[in-house]
PDB file of N, CA and C in Angstrom:
ATOM      1  N   MET A   1     -44.196 -97.663 106.805  1.00  0.00           N
ATOM      2  CA  MET A   1     -43.329 -97.417 105.668  1.00  0.00           C
ATOM      3  C   MET A   1     -42.228 -96.394 106.042  1.00  0.00           C
ATOM      4  N   GLU A   2     -41.042 -96.628 105.634  1.00  0.00           N
ATOM      5  CA  GLU A   2     -39.899 -95.778 105.904  1.00  0.00           C
ATOM      6  C   GLU A   2     -40.053 -94.458 105.064  1.00  0.00           C
ATOM      7  N   PRO A   3     -39.855 -93.300 105.743  1.00  0.00           N
ATOM      8  CA  PRO A   3     -39.967 -92.040 104.975  1.00  0.00           C
ATOM      9  C   PRO A   3     -38.968 -91.985 103.853  1.00  0.00           C
ATOM     10  N   TRP A   4     -39.424 -91.480 102.745  1.00  0.00           N
ATOM     11  CA  TRP A   4     -38.632 -91.220 101.589  1.00  0.00           C
ATOM     12  C   TRP A   4     -38.136 -92.438 100.835  1.00  0.00           C
ATOM     13  N   ASN A   5     -38.625 -93.629 101.177  1.00  0.00           N
ATOM     14  CA  ASN A   5     -38.085 -94.820 100.501  1.00  0.00           C
ATOM     15  C   ASN A   5     -38.508 -94.888  99.019  1.00  0.00           C
ATOM     16  N   ASP A   6     -39.536 -94.135  98.609  1.00  0.00           N
ATOM     17  CA  ASP A   6     -39.949 -94.127  97.213  1.00  0.00           C
ATOM     18  C   ASP A   6     -39.790 -92.741  96.632  1.00  0.00           C
ATOM     19  N   ASP A   7     -38.841 -92.013  97.121  1.00  0.00           N
ATOM     20  CA  ASP A   7     -38.640 -90.566  96.742  1.00  0.00           C
ATOM     21  C   ASP A   7     -37.848 -90.500  95.404  1.00  0.00           C
ATOM     22  N   LYS A   8     -38.580 -90.494  94.336  1.00  0.00           N
ATOM     23  CA  LYS A   8     -37.959 -90.498  93.001  1.00  0.00           C
ATOM     24  C   LYS A   8     -37.427 -89.116  92.586  1.00  0.00           C
ATOM     25  N   LEU A   9     -37.955 -88.049  93.241  1.00  0.00           N
ATOM     26  CA  LEU A   9     -37.563 -86.702  92.895  1.00  0.00           C
ATOM     27  C   LEU A   9     -36.587 -86.074  93.905  1.00  0.00           C
ATOM     28  N   ASN A  10     -36.055 -86.905  94.803  1.00  0.00           N
ATOM     29  CA  ASN A  10     -35.094 -86.480  95.798  1.00  0.00           C
ATOM     30  C   ASN A  10     -35.606 -85.307  96.655  1.00  0.00           C
ATOM     31  N   ARG A  11     -36.893 -85.435  97.051  1.00  0.00           N
ATOM     32  CA  ARG A  11     -37.479 -84.407  97.908  1.00  0.00           C
ATOM     33  C   ARG A  11     -36.902 -84.451  99.335  1.00  0.00           C
ATOM     34  N   VAL A  12     -36.220 -85.515  99.674  1.00  0.00           N
ATOM     35  CA  VAL A  12     -35.622 -85.599 100.948  1.00  0.00           C
ATOM     36  C   VAL A  12     -34.618 -84.454 101.192  1.00  0.00           C
ATOM     37  N   GLU A  13     -33.956 -84.051 100.148  1.00  0.00           N
ATOM     38  CA  GLU A  13     -33.006 -82.924 100.254  1.00  0.00           C
ATOM     39  C   GLU A  13     -33.728 -81.658 100.605  1.00  0.00           C
ATOM     40  N   ASP A  14     -34.913 -81.434 100.003  1.00  0.00           N
ATOM     41  CA  ASP A  14     -35.704 -80.234 100.332  1.00  0.00           C
ATOM     42  C   ASP A  14     -36.136 -80.287 101.804  1.00  0.00           C
ATOM     43  N   ALA A  15     -36.506 -81.501 102.276  1.00  0.00           N
ATOM     44  CA  ALA A  15     -36.950 -81.664 103.653  1.00  0.00           C
ATOM     45  C   ALA A  15     -35.789 -81.391 104.589  1.00  0.00           C
ATOM     46  N   LYS A  16     -34.626 -81.879 104.304  1.00  0.00           N
ATOM     47  CA  LYS A  16     -33.433 -81.615 105.117  1.00  0.00           C
ATOM     48  C   LYS A  16     -33.158 -80.119 105.178  1.00  0.00           C
ATOM     49  N   TYR A  17     -33.234 -79.434 104.032  1.00  0.00           N
ATOM     50  CA  TYR A  17     -32.971 -78.026 104.040  1.00  0.00           C
ATOM     51  C   TYR A  17     -33.994 -77.290 104.904  1.00  0.00           C
ATOM     52  N   LEU A  18     -35.283 -77.575 104.730  1.00  0.00           N
ATOM     53  CA  LEU A  18     -36.318 -76.900 105.491  1.00  0.00           C
ATOM     54  C   LEU A  18     -36.206 -77.210 107.001  1.00  0.00           C
ATOM     55  N   THR A  19     -35.850 -78.457 107.328  1.00  0.00           N
ATOM     56  CA  THR A  19     -35.686 -78.799 108.732  1.00  0.00           C
ATOM     57  C   THR A  19     -34.569 -77.968 109.359  1.00  0.00           C
ATOM     58  N   SER A  20     -33.440 -77.905 108.654  1.00  0.00           N
ATOM     59  CA  SER A  20     -32.321 -77.113 109.161  1.00  0.00           C
ATOM     60  C   SER A  20     -32.684 -75.622 109.215  1.00  0.00           C
ATOM     61  N   TYR A  21     -33.342 -75.125 108.218  1.00  0.00           N
ATOM     62  CA  TYR A  21     -33.761 -73.710 108.221  1.00  0.00           C
ATOM     63  C   TYR A  21     -34.657 -73.397 109.418  1.00  0.00           C
ATOM     64  N   LEU A  22     -35.676 -74.231 109.617  1.00  0.00           N
ATOM     65  CA  LEU A  22     -36.616 -74.031 110.746  1.00  0.00           C
ATOM     66  C   LEU A  22     -35.961 -74.097 112.069  1.00  0.00           C
ATOM     67  N   LEU A  23     -35.088 -75.089 112.254  1.00  0.00           N
ATOM     68  CA  LEU A  23     -34.391 -75.229 113.541  1.00  0.00           C
ATOM     69  C   LEU A  23     -33.468 -74.027 113.832  1.00  0.00           C
ATOM     70  N   ASN A  24     -32.792 -73.544 112.809  1.00  0.00           N
ATOM     71  CA  ASN A  24     -31.909 -72.394 112.915  1.00  0.00           C
ATOM     72  C   ASN A  24     -32.718 -71.137 113.202  1.00  0.00           C
ATOM     73  N   ARG A  25     -33.821 -70.987 112.447  1.00  0.00           N
ATOM     74  CA  ARG A  25     -34.679 -69.822 112.628  1.00  0.00           C
ATOM     75  C   ARG A  25     -35.274 -69.744 114.056  1.00  0.00           C
ATOM     76  N   PHE A  26     -35.729 -70.916 114.508  1.00  0.00           N
ATOM     77  CA  PHE A  26     -36.275 -70.944 115.849  1.00  0.00           C
ATOM     78  C   PHE A  26     -35.237 -70.586 116.888  1.00  0.00           C
ATOM     79  N   THR A  27     -34.018 -71.053 116.702  1.00  0.00           N
ATOM     80  CA  THR A  27     -32.920 -70.774 117.655  1.00  0.00           C
ATOM     81  C   THR A  27     -32.615 -69.258 117.705  1.00  0.00           C
ATOM     82  N   VAL A  28     -32.669 -68.584 116.566  1.00  0.00           N
ATOM     83  CA  VAL A  28     -32.345 -67.169 116.484  1.00  0.00           C
ATOM     84  C   VAL A  28     -33.512 -66.274 116.849  1.00  0.00           C
ATOM     85  N   LYS A  29     -34.727 -66.587 116.411  1.00  0.00           N
ATOM     86  CA  LYS A  29     -35.840 -65.731 116.561  1.00  0.00           C
ATOM     87  C   LYS A  29     -37.020 -66.435 117.221  1.00  0.00           C
ATOM     88  N   LYS A  30     -36.814 -66.943 118.438  1.00  0.00           N
ATOM     89  CA  LYS A  30     -37.825 -67.730 119.122  1.00  0.00           C
ATOM     90  C   LYS A  30     -39.160 -67.036 119.315  1.00  0.00           C
ATOM     91  N   GLU A  31     -39.130 -65.766 119.597  1.00  0.00           N
ATOM     92  CA  GLU A  31     -40.343 -65.050 120.008  1.00  0.00           C
ATOM     93  C   GLU A  31     -41.126 -64.500 118.801  1.00  0.00           C
ATOM     94  N   GLU A  32     -40.580 -64.508 117.654  1.00  0.00           N
ATOM     95  CA  GLU A  32     -41.286 -63.934 116.466  1.00  0.00           C
ATOM     96  C   GLU A  32     -42.147 -64.972 115.773  1.00  0.00           C
ATOM     97  N   PRO A  33     -43.393 -64.568 115.453  1.00  0.00           N
ATOM     98  CA  PRO A  33     -44.280 -65.486 114.732  1.00  0.00           C
ATOM     99  C   PRO A  33     -43.701 -65.874 113.397  1.00  0.00           C
ATOM    100  N   PHE A  34     -44.102 -67.055 112.915  1.00  0.00           N
ATOM    101  CA  PHE A  34     -43.566 -67.512 111.663  1.00  0.00           C
ATOM    102  C   PHE A  34     -44.552 -68.434 110.987  1.00  0.00           C
ATOM    103  N   VAL A  35     -44.716 -68.282 109.692  1.00  0.00           N
ATOM    104  CA  VAL A  35     -45.560 -69.164 108.893  1.00  0.00           C
ATOM    105  C   VAL A  35     -44.751 -69.679 107.722  1.00  0.00           C
ATOM    106  N   LEU A  36     -44.850 -70.961 107.479  1.00  0.00           N
ATOM    107  CA  LEU A  36     -44.210 -71.594 106.333  1.00  0.00           C
ATOM    108  C   LEU A  36     -45.305 -72.071 105.399  1.00  0.00           C
ATOM    109  N   ASN A  37     -45.261 -71.678 104.196  1.00  0.00           N
ATOM    110  CA  ASN A  37     -46.282 -72.012 103.203  1.00  0.00           C
ATOM    111  C   ASN A  37     -45.664 -72.930 102.131  1.00  0.00           C
ATOM    112  N   ILE A  38     -46.263 -74.059 101.960  1.00  0.00           N
ATOM    113  CA  ILE A  38     -45.853 -74.974 100.875  1.00  0.00           C
ATOM    114  C   ILE A  38     -46.893 -74.804  99.765  1.00  0.00           C
ATOM    115  N   ASP A  39     -46.465 -74.295  98.630  1.00  0.00           N
ATOM    116  CA  ASP A  39     -47.433 -73.986  97.575  1.00  0.00           C
ATOM    117  C   ASP A  39     -46.973 -74.576  96.228  1.00  0.00           C
ATOM    118  N   ALA A  40     -47.882 -75.225  95.577  1.00  0.00           N
ATOM    119  CA  ALA A  40     -47.605 -75.768  94.241  1.00  0.00           C
ATOM    120  C   ALA A  40     -48.944 -76.121  93.598  1.00  0.00           C
ATOM    121  N   GLU A  41     -48.938 -76.306  92.305  1.00  0.00           N
ATOM    122  CA  GLU A  41     -50.174 -76.677  91.626  1.00  0.00           C
ATOM    123  C   GLU A  41     -50.593 -78.084  92.047  1.00  0.00           C
ATOM    124  N   TRP A  42     -51.864 -78.413  91.719  1.00  0.00           N
ATOM    125  CA  TRP A  42     -52.443 -79.723  92.019  1.00  0.00           C
ATOM    126  C   TRP A  42     -51.602 -80.785  91.319  1.00  0.00           C
ATOM    127  N   GLY A  43     -51.271 -81.820  92.073  1.00  0.00           N
ATOM    128  CA  GLY A  43     -50.531 -82.973  91.474  1.00  0.00           C
ATOM    129  C   GLY A  43     -49.022 -82.812  91.538  1.00  0.00           C
ATOM    130  N   PHE A  44     -48.507 -81.802  92.178  1.00  0.00           N
ATOM    131  CA  PHE A  44     -47.060 -81.608  92.247  1.00  0.00           C
ATOM    132  C   PHE A  44     -46.414 -82.263  93.422  1.00  0.00           C
ATOM    133  N   GLY A  45     -47.184 -82.983  94.297  1.00  0.00           N
ATOM    134  CA  GLY A  45     -46.578 -83.724  95.360  1.00  0.00           C
ATOM    135  C   GLY A  45     -46.565 -83.067  96.719  1.00  0.00           C
ATOM    136  N   LYS A  46     -47.386 -82.090  96.972  1.00  0.00           N
ATOM    137  CA  LYS A  46     -47.394 -81.459  98.290  1.00  0.00           C
ATOM    138  C   LYS A  46     -47.725 -82.416  99.402  1.00  0.00           C
ATOM    139  N   THR A  47     -48.814 -83.202  99.193  1.00  0.00           N
ATOM    140  CA  THR A  47     -49.194 -84.174 100.234  1.00  0.00           C
ATOM    141  C   THR A  47     -48.142 -85.224 100.415  1.00  0.00           C
ATOM    142  N   TYR A  48     -47.537 -85.720  99.350  1.00  0.00           N
ATOM    143  CA  TYR A  48     -46.458 -86.688  99.444  1.00  0.00           C
ATOM    144  C   TYR A  48     -45.303 -86.138 100.277  1.00  0.00           C
ATOM    145  N   PHE A  49     -44.921 -84.882  99.913  1.00  0.00           N
ATOM    146  CA  PHE A  49     -43.808 -84.238 100.619  1.00  0.00           C
ATOM    147  C   PHE A  49     -44.129 -84.091 102.090  1.00  0.00           C
ATOM    148  N   LEU A  50     -45.278 -83.552 102.431  1.00  0.00           N
ATOM    149  CA  LEU A  50     -45.604 -83.271 103.799  1.00  0.00           C
ATOM    150  C   LEU A  50     -45.796 -84.528 104.642  1.00  0.00           C
ATOM    151  N   THR A  51     -46.386 -85.558 104.095  1.00  0.00           N
ATOM    152  CA  THR A  51     -46.578 -86.798 104.910  1.00  0.00           C
ATOM    153  C   THR A  51     -45.200 -87.479 105.130  1.00  0.00           C
ATOM    154  N   ASN A  52     -44.344 -87.437 104.168  1.00  0.00           N
ATOM    155  CA  ASN A  52     -43.024 -88.040 104.345  1.00  0.00           C
ATOM    156  C   ASN A  52     -42.163 -87.195 105.261  1.00  0.00           C
ATOM    157  N   TRP A  53     -42.265 -85.855 105.186  1.00  0.00           N
ATOM    158  CA  TRP A  53     -41.528 -85.015 106.026  1.00  0.00           C
ATOM    159  C   TRP A  53     -42.016 -85.154 107.483  1.00  0.00           C
ATOM    160  N   ARG A  54     -43.330 -85.280 107.640  1.00  0.00           N
ATOM    161  CA  ARG A  54     -43.869 -85.531 109.004  1.00  0.00           C
ATOM    162  C   ARG A  54     -43.281 -86.809 109.573  1.00  0.00           C
ATOM    163  N   SER A  55     -43.308 -87.886 108.804  1.00  0.00           N
ATOM    164  CA  SER A  55     -42.767 -89.197 109.289  1.00  0.00           C
ATOM    165  C   SER A  55     -41.280 -89.058 109.593  1.00  0.00           C
ATOM    166  N   ASP A  56     -40.537 -88.379 108.800  1.00  0.00           N
ATOM    167  CA  ASP A  56     -39.104 -88.148 108.992  1.00  0.00           C
ATOM    168  C   ASP A  56     -38.855 -87.376 110.329  1.00  0.00           C
ATOM    169  N   LEU A  57     -39.604 -86.283 110.488  1.00  0.00           N
ATOM    170  CA  LEU A  57     -39.470 -85.505 111.682  1.00  0.00           C
ATOM    171  C   LEU A  57     -39.844 -86.255 112.963  1.00  0.00           C
ATOM    172  N   LYS A  58     -40.931 -87.031 112.878  1.00  0.00           N
ATOM    173  CA  LYS A  58     -41.325 -87.847 114.021  1.00  0.00           C
ATOM    174  C   LYS A  58     -40.278 -88.891 114.366  1.00  0.00           C
ATOM    175  N   SER A  59     -39.645 -89.457 113.343  1.00  0.00           N
ATOM    176  CA  SER A  59     -38.584 -90.433 113.577  1.00  0.00           C
ATOM    177  C   SER A  59     -37.383 -89.814 114.245  1.00  0.00           C
ATOM    178  N   GLN A  60     -37.261 -88.498 114.155  1.00  0.00           N
ATOM    179  CA  GLN A  60     -36.163 -87.750 114.819  1.00  0.00           C
ATOM    180  C   GLN A  60     -36.582 -87.238 116.194  1.00  0.00           C
ATOM    181  N   GLY A  61     -37.803 -87.603 116.617  1.00  0.00           N
ATOM    182  CA  GLY A  61     -38.276 -87.178 117.912  1.00  0.00           C
ATOM    183  C   GLY A  61     -38.940 -85.828 117.986  1.00  0.00           C
ATOM    184  N   CYS A  62     -39.300 -85.261 116.833  1.00  0.00           N
ATOM    185  CA  CYS A  62     -39.965 -83.970 116.783  1.00  0.00           C
ATOM    186  C   CYS A  62     -41.463 -84.141 116.976  1.00  0.00           C
ATOM    187  N   GLU A  63     -42.084 -83.184 117.660  1.00  0.00           N
ATOM    188  CA  GLU A  63     -43.556 -83.140 117.736  1.00  0.00           C
ATOM    189  C   GLU A  63     -44.071 -82.454 116.473  1.00  0.00           C
ATOM    190  N   VAL A  64     -45.011 -83.112 115.828  1.00  0.00           N
ATOM    191  CA  VAL A  64     -45.552 -82.638 114.551  1.00  0.00           C
ATOM    192  C   VAL A  64     -47.048 -82.640 114.572  1.00  0.00           C
ATOM    193  N   VAL A  65     -47.649 -81.543 114.144  1.00  0.00           N
ATOM    194  CA  VAL A  65     -49.068 -81.472 113.896  1.00  0.00           C
ATOM    195  C   VAL A  65     -49.274 -81.444 112.402  1.00  0.00           C
ATOM    196  N   TYR A  66     -49.964 -82.439 111.888  1.00  0.00           N
ATOM    197  CA  TYR A  66     -50.265 -82.523 110.476  1.00  0.00           C
ATOM    198  C   TYR A  66     -51.733 -82.257 110.276  1.00  0.00           C
ATOM    199  N   PHE A  67     -52.068 -81.318 109.438  1.00  0.00           N
ATOM    200  CA  PHE A  67     -53.454 -81.000 109.145  1.00  0.00           C
ATOM    201  C   PHE A  67     -53.627 -80.900 107.636  1.00  0.00           C
ATOM    202  N   ASN A  68     -54.471 -81.793 107.088  1.00  0.00           N
ATOM    203  CA  ASN A  68     -54.759 -81.794 105.678  1.00  0.00           C
ATOM    204  C   ASN A  68     -56.141 -81.153 105.497  1.00  0.00           C
ATOM    205  N   ALA A  69     -56.207 -79.941 105.058  1.00  0.00           N
ATOM    206  CA  ALA A  69     -57.458 -79.221 104.908  1.00  0.00           C
ATOM    207  C   ALA A  69     -58.425 -79.885 103.983  1.00  0.00           C
ATOM    208  N   TRP A  70     -57.920 -80.560 102.958  1.00  0.00           N
ATOM    209  CA  TRP A  70     -58.798 -81.266 102.021  1.00  0.00           C
ATOM    210  C   TRP A  70     -59.527 -82.425 102.668  1.00  0.00           C
ATOM    211  N   GLU A  71     -58.841 -83.132 103.581  1.00  0.00           N
ATOM    212  CA  GLU A  71     -59.498 -84.258 104.291  1.00  0.00           C
ATOM    213  C   GLU A  71     -60.476 -83.781 105.315  1.00  0.00           C
ATOM    214  N   LYS A  72     -60.339 -82.573 105.802  1.00  0.00           N
ATOM    215  CA  LYS A  72     -61.167 -82.031 106.904  1.00  0.00           C
ATOM    216  C   LYS A  72     -62.202 -81.018 106.392  1.00  0.00           C
ATOM    217  N   ASP A  73     -62.389 -80.972 105.114  1.00  0.00           N
ATOM    218  CA  ASP A  73     -63.270 -79.978 104.509  1.00  0.00           C
ATOM    219  C   ASP A  73     -64.749 -80.407 104.571  1.00  0.00           C
ATOM    220  N   PHE A  74     -65.261 -80.567 105.761  1.00  0.00           N
ATOM    221  CA  PHE A  74     -66.687 -80.976 105.911  1.00  0.00           C
ATOM    222  C   PHE A  74     -67.452 -80.101 106.867  1.00  0.00           C
ATOM    223  N   THR A  75     -66.902 -79.005 107.298  1.00  0.00           N
ATOM    224  CA  THR A  75     -67.563 -78.146 108.254  1.00  0.00           C
ATOM    225  C   THR A  75     -67.539 -76.693 107.753  1.00  0.00           C
ATOM    226  N   ASP A  76     -68.511 -75.886 108.251  1.00  0.00           N
ATOM    227  CA  ASP A  76     -68.539 -74.467 107.876  1.00  0.00           C
ATOM    228  C   ASP A  76     -67.508 -73.709 108.626  1.00  0.00           C
ATOM    229  N   ASN A  77     -66.957 -74.250 109.688  1.00  0.00           N
ATOM    230  CA  ASN A  77     -65.942 -73.601 110.524  1.00  0.00           C
ATOM    231  C   ASN A  77     -64.665 -74.406 110.488  1.00  0.00           C
ATOM    232  N   PRO A  78     -63.760 -74.171 109.517  1.00  0.00           N
ATOM    233  CA  PRO A  78     -62.567 -74.987 109.400  1.00  0.00           C
ATOM    234  C   PRO A  78     -61.593 -74.847 110.595  1.00  0.00           C
ATOM    235  N   LEU A  79     -61.762 -73.810 111.382  1.00  0.00           N
ATOM    236  CA  LEU A  79     -60.897 -73.634 112.533  1.00  0.00           C
ATOM    237  C   LEU A  79     -61.118 -74.775 113.556  1.00  0.00           C
ATOM    238  N   LEU A  80     -62.346 -75.278 113.642  1.00  0.00           N
ATOM    239  CA  LEU A  80     -62.652 -76.388 114.557  1.00  0.00           C
ATOM    240  C   LEU A  80     -61.810 -77.608 114.213  1.00  0.00           C
ATOM    241  N   GLY A  81     -61.767 -77.966 112.947  1.00  0.00           N
ATOM    242  CA  GLY A  81     -60.964 -79.121 112.524  1.00  0.00           C
ATOM    243  C   GLY A  81     -59.466 -78.888 112.774  1.00  0.00           C
ATOM    244  N   PHE A  82     -59.007 -77.693 112.586  1.00  0.00           N
ATOM    245  CA  PHE A  82     -57.571 -77.340 112.804  1.00  0.00           C
ATOM    246  C   PHE A  82     -57.239 -77.504 114.301  1.00  0.00           C
ATOM    247  N   ILE A  83     -58.078 -76.923 115.135  1.00  0.00           N
ATOM    248  CA  ILE A  83     -57.849 -77.002 116.590  1.00  0.00           C
ATOM    249  C   ILE A  83     -57.947 -78.469 117.089  1.00  0.00           C
ATOM    250  N   SER A  84     -58.860 -79.240 116.473  1.00  0.00           N
ATOM    251  CA  SER A  84     -58.958 -80.636 116.837  1.00  0.00           C
ATOM    252  C   SER A  84     -57.697 -81.392 116.466  1.00  0.00           C
ATOM    253  N   ALA A  85     -57.115 -81.125 115.321  1.00  0.00           N
ATOM    254  CA  ALA A  85     -55.869 -81.774 114.911  1.00  0.00           C
ATOM    255  C   ALA A  85     -54.740 -81.438 115.858  1.00  0.00           C
ATOM    256  N   ILE A  86     -54.659 -80.165 116.273  1.00  0.00           N
ATOM    257  CA  ILE A  86     -53.629 -79.764 117.219  1.00  0.00           C
ATOM    258  C   ILE A  86     -53.799 -80.497 118.539  1.00  0.00           C
ATOM    259  N   ASP A  87     -55.055 -80.556 119.018  1.00  0.00           N
ATOM    260  CA  ASP A  87     -55.359 -81.254 120.287  1.00  0.00           C
ATOM    261  C   ASP A  87     -54.955 -82.702 120.150  1.00  0.00           C
ATOM    262  N   LYS A  88     -55.374 -83.355 119.095  1.00  0.00           N
ATOM    263  CA  LYS A  88     -55.092 -84.790 118.937  1.00  0.00           C
ATOM    264  C   LYS A  88     -53.600 -85.089 118.873  1.00  0.00           C
ATOM    265  N   GLU A  89     -52.838 -84.319 118.111  1.00  0.00           N
ATOM    266  CA  GLU A  89     -51.402 -84.566 117.954  1.00  0.00           C
ATOM    267  C   GLU A  89     -50.603 -84.227 119.172  1.00  0.00           C
ATOM    268  N   LEU A  90     -50.979 -83.157 119.910  1.00  0.00           N
ATOM    269  CA  LEU A  90     -50.131 -82.713 120.997  1.00  0.00           C
ATOM    270  C   LEU A  90     -50.596 -83.135 122.377  1.00  0.00           C
ATOM    271  N   LYS A  91     -51.784 -83.698 122.471  1.00  0.00           N
ATOM    272  CA  LYS A  91     -52.294 -84.109 123.794  1.00  0.00           C
ATOM    273  C   LYS A  91     -51.319 -85.078 124.499  1.00  0.00           C
ATOM    274  N   PRO A  92     -50.811 -86.082 123.854  1.00  0.00           N
ATOM    275  CA  PRO A  92     -49.827 -86.950 124.548  1.00  0.00           C
ATOM    276  C   PRO A  92     -48.582 -86.202 125.032  1.00  0.00           C
ATOM    277  N   PHE A  93     -48.150 -85.226 124.278  1.00  0.00           N
ATOM    278  CA  PHE A  93     -46.957 -84.455 124.627  1.00  0.00           C
ATOM    279  C   PHE A  93     -47.224 -83.671 125.923  1.00  0.00           C
ATOM    280  N   PHE A  94     -48.367 -83.004 126.001  1.00  0.00           N
ATOM    281  CA  PHE A  94     -48.700 -82.208 127.166  1.00  0.00           C
ATOM    282  C   PHE A  94     -48.992 -83.110 128.385  1.00  0.00           C
ATOM    283  N   SER A  95     -49.565 -84.259 128.132  1.00  0.00           N
ATOM    284  CA  SER A  95     -49.836 -85.210 129.227  1.00  0.00           C
ATOM    285  C   SER A  95     -48.530 -85.659 129.848  1.00  0.00           C
ATOM    286  N   LYS A  96     -47.532 -85.909 129.049  1.00  0.00           N
ATOM    287  CA  LYS A  96     -46.184 -86.300 129.575  1.00  0.00           C
ATOM    288  C   LYS A  96     -45.574 -85.184 130.403  1.00  0.00           C
ATOM    289  N   LYS A  97     -45.686 -83.960 129.931  1.00  0.00           N
ATOM    290  CA  LYS A  97     -45.094 -82.827 130.637  1.00  0.00           C
ATOM    291  C   LYS A  97     -45.776 -82.608 131.961  1.00  0.00           C
ATOM    292  N   ALA A  98     -47.093 -82.769 131.966  1.00  0.00           N
ATOM    293  CA  ALA A  98     -47.880 -82.530 133.204  1.00  0.00           C
ATOM    294  C   ALA A  98     -47.542 -83.571 134.261  1.00  0.00           C
ATOM    295  N   ASN A  99     -47.227 -84.792 133.846  1.00  0.00           N
ATOM    296  CA  ASN A  99     -46.965 -85.892 134.771  1.00  0.00           C
ATOM    297  C   ASN A  99     -45.470 -85.926 135.208  1.00  0.00           C
ATOM    298  N   ALA A 100     -44.637 -85.138 134.566  1.00  0.00           N
ATOM    299  CA  ALA A 100     -43.203 -85.190 134.862  1.00  0.00           C
ATOM    300  C   ALA A 100     -42.880 -84.448 136.124  1.00  0.00           C
TER     301      ALA A 100
END
């Protein structure tokens, strides 16, 4: 499915803004840690936004790690699920770099 094709609330504009902001911030402050928090009440479209934004970024050639804590909420140690998601999403990227 094409990202944002059913975007009735024009969230694509928010995604474009955040993408531009993050790219600019990374360019200016590469070495400083940064956390982006997407927060809203239940049912306000966080999962919709993030899954579409992920698809959009991937279509632009960006490496994306997507972790949905609700889907992975089956362990006493949530860090394991998070690390597993990072490994799964970025393993092909590191394999390419190692072989280059």
